[in-house]
Amino acid sequence: MGQDNKLQIFLPAMPDEWQRLLDGKGPDTWKTEMVGHWHPPLGRLWFNPPRPQTGGYETFGSYEALQTRYYELFETLKMQGRLRSARLGVGTGSIQDVHSWSERD
């Protein structure tokens, strides 16, 4: 959180040169969290892709496109055993959960 109590995010200056900020040296066994958020007019999706893939941050121009990709990725990561938790939210002020899942549930 910044001094003004707003969430700060960091994006790569050159998306094609994306790299992990924090990464282990061993096998890629860490499970990922996935977060989707629709804040009109833009949707965002964050997750950690498996090595050596890059990415993990996607933007969408419609809620429908965000929701489709979220559930597609949710099912894929869950089936692969790589997902720790997932949340899809909508809102500009208070965020309303549309979907949430945790492997602890």
Protein backbone atom coordinates (compact mmCIF):
# COMPACT_ATOMS: atom_id res chain seq x y z
CA MET A 1 0.00 0.00 0.00
CA GLY A 2 1.21 3.45 -0.83
CA GLN A 3 1.13 6.43 1.50
CA ASP A 4 -2.33 7.35 0.23
CA ASN A 5 -3.62 3.84 1.12
CA LYS A 6 -4.02 2.88 -2.53
CA LEU A 7 -2.75 -0.43 -3.87
CA GLN A 8 0.39 -0.01 -5.97
CA ILE A 9 1.26 -2.44 -8.77
CA PHE A 10 4.41 -2.78 -10.83
CA LEU A 11 4.27 -3.65 -14.52
CA PRO A 12 7.17 -4.53 -16.81
CA ALA A 13 8.35 -1.61 -18.94
CA MET A 14 8.79 -4.01 -21.86
CA PRO A 15 6.19 -6.82 -21.71
CA ASP A 16 8.31 -9.02 -24.01
CA GLU A 17 11.15 -8.88 -21.46
CA TRP A 18 9.02 -10.03 -18.52
CA GLN A 19 10.80 -11.97 -15.78
CA ARG A 20 9.91 -13.21 -12.34
CA LEU A 21 10.73 -10.83 -9.52
CA LEU A 22 10.94 -13.53 -6.86
CA ASP A 23 11.75 -17.06 -7.94
CA GLY A 24 13.17 -20.22 -6.41
CA LYS A 25 16.12 -22.08 -7.87
CA GLY A 26 14.53 -25.51 -7.52
CA PRO A 27 11.79 -27.12 -9.57
CA ASP A 28 8.71 -25.05 -10.37
CA THR A 29 6.48 -26.53 -7.66
CA TRP A 30 5.03 -23.33 -6.19
CA LYS A 31 1.31 -23.02 -6.63
CA THR A 32 -0.09 -19.74 -7.90
CA GLU A 33 -2.80 -17.38 -6.81
CA MET A 34 -4.99 -16.01 -9.58
CA VAL A 35 -6.90 -12.73 -9.34
CA GLY A 36 -9.31 -11.27 -11.85
CA HIS A 37 -10.80 -7.82 -11.39
CA TRP A 38 -13.27 -5.86 -13.51
CA HIS A 39 -13.00 -2.12 -12.93
CA PRO A 40 -14.86 -0.50 -15.85
CA PRO A 41 -13.74 0.01 -18.52
CA LEU A 42 -10.83 -2.42 -17.97
CA GLY A 43 -10.45 -5.96 -16.73
CA ARG A 44 -7.20 -7.37 -15.35
CA LEU A 45 -6.02 -10.91 -14.62
CA TRP A 46 -2.90 -11.77 -12.58
CA PHE A 47 -1.27 -15.19 -12.12
CA ASN A 48 2.19 -16.81 -12.18
CA PRO A 49 2.77 -18.94 -15.28
CA PRO A 50 4.98 -22.04 -15.05
CA ARG A 51 8.61 -21.76 -16.11
CA PRO A 52 9.82 -21.00 -18.76
CA GLN A 53 6.62 -19.24 -19.85
CA THR A 54 6.31 -15.50 -19.46
CA GLY A 55 3.23 -13.44 -18.87
CA GLY A 56 0.95 -13.56 -15.90
CA TYR A 57 -0.76 -10.22 -16.48
CA GLU A 58 -3.54 -9.83 -19.01
CA THR A 59 -5.98 -6.99 -19.72
CA PHE A 60 -9.47 -7.14 -21.22
CA GLY A 61 -11.80 -4.61 -22.80
CA SER A 62 -14.99 -6.38 -21.76
CA TYR A 63 -16.21 -8.17 -18.65
CA GLU A 64 -17.27 -11.15 -20.77
CA ALA A 65 -13.74 -11.61 -22.16
CA LEU A 66 -12.24 -11.38 -18.65
CA GLN A 67 -14.75 -13.86 -17.24
CA THR A 68 -14.19 -16.36 -20.10
CA ARG A 69 -10.41 -16.26 -19.71
CA TYR A 70 -10.62 -16.41 -15.89
CA TYR A 71 -12.69 -19.60 -15.88
CA GLU A 72 -10.61 -21.14 -18.68
CA LEU A 73 -7.38 -20.52 -16.77
CA PHE A 74 -9.00 -21.51 -13.45
CA GLU A 75 -9.93 -24.95 -14.79
CA THR A 76 -6.52 -25.47 -16.44
CA LEU A 77 -4.47 -24.51 -13.37
CA LYS A 78 -6.74 -26.45 -11.01
CA MET A 79 -6.54 -29.58 -13.18
CA GLN A 80 -2.72 -29.28 -13.26
CA GLY A 81 -2.61 -28.97 -9.45
CA ARG A 82 -0.91 -25.57 -9.75
CA LEU A 83 -3.60 -23.35 -8.20
CA ARG A 84 -3.55 -22.26 -4.56
CA SER A 85 -6.46 -19.80 -4.71
CA ALA A 86 -8.53 -17.78 -7.16
CA ARG A 87 -10.78 -14.74 -6.96
CA LEU A 88 -12.82 -12.84 -9.52
CA GLY A 89 -14.21 -9.49 -8.39
CA VAL A 90 -16.19 -6.60 -9.83
CA GLY A 91 -16.36 -3.02 -8.64
CA THR A 92 -14.83 0.39 -8.40
CA GLY A 93 -15.23 1.08 -4.69
CA SER A 94 -16.06 -1.95 -2.67
CA ILE A 95 -15.29 -5.06 -4.71
CA GLN A 96 -18.01 -7.67 -5.01
CA ASP A 97 -16.80 -11.26 -5.31
CA VAL A 98 -18.19 -13.07 -8.32
CA HIS A 99 -16.14 -16.21 -7.68
CA SER A 100 -13.63 -17.31 -5.07
CA TRP A 101 -11.90 -20.63 -4.51
CA SER A 102 -9.14 -21.92 -2.24
CA GLU A 103 -7.50 -25.32 -2.07
CA ARG A 104 -8.14 -25.14 1.69
CA ASP A 105 -11.94 -25.15 1.18
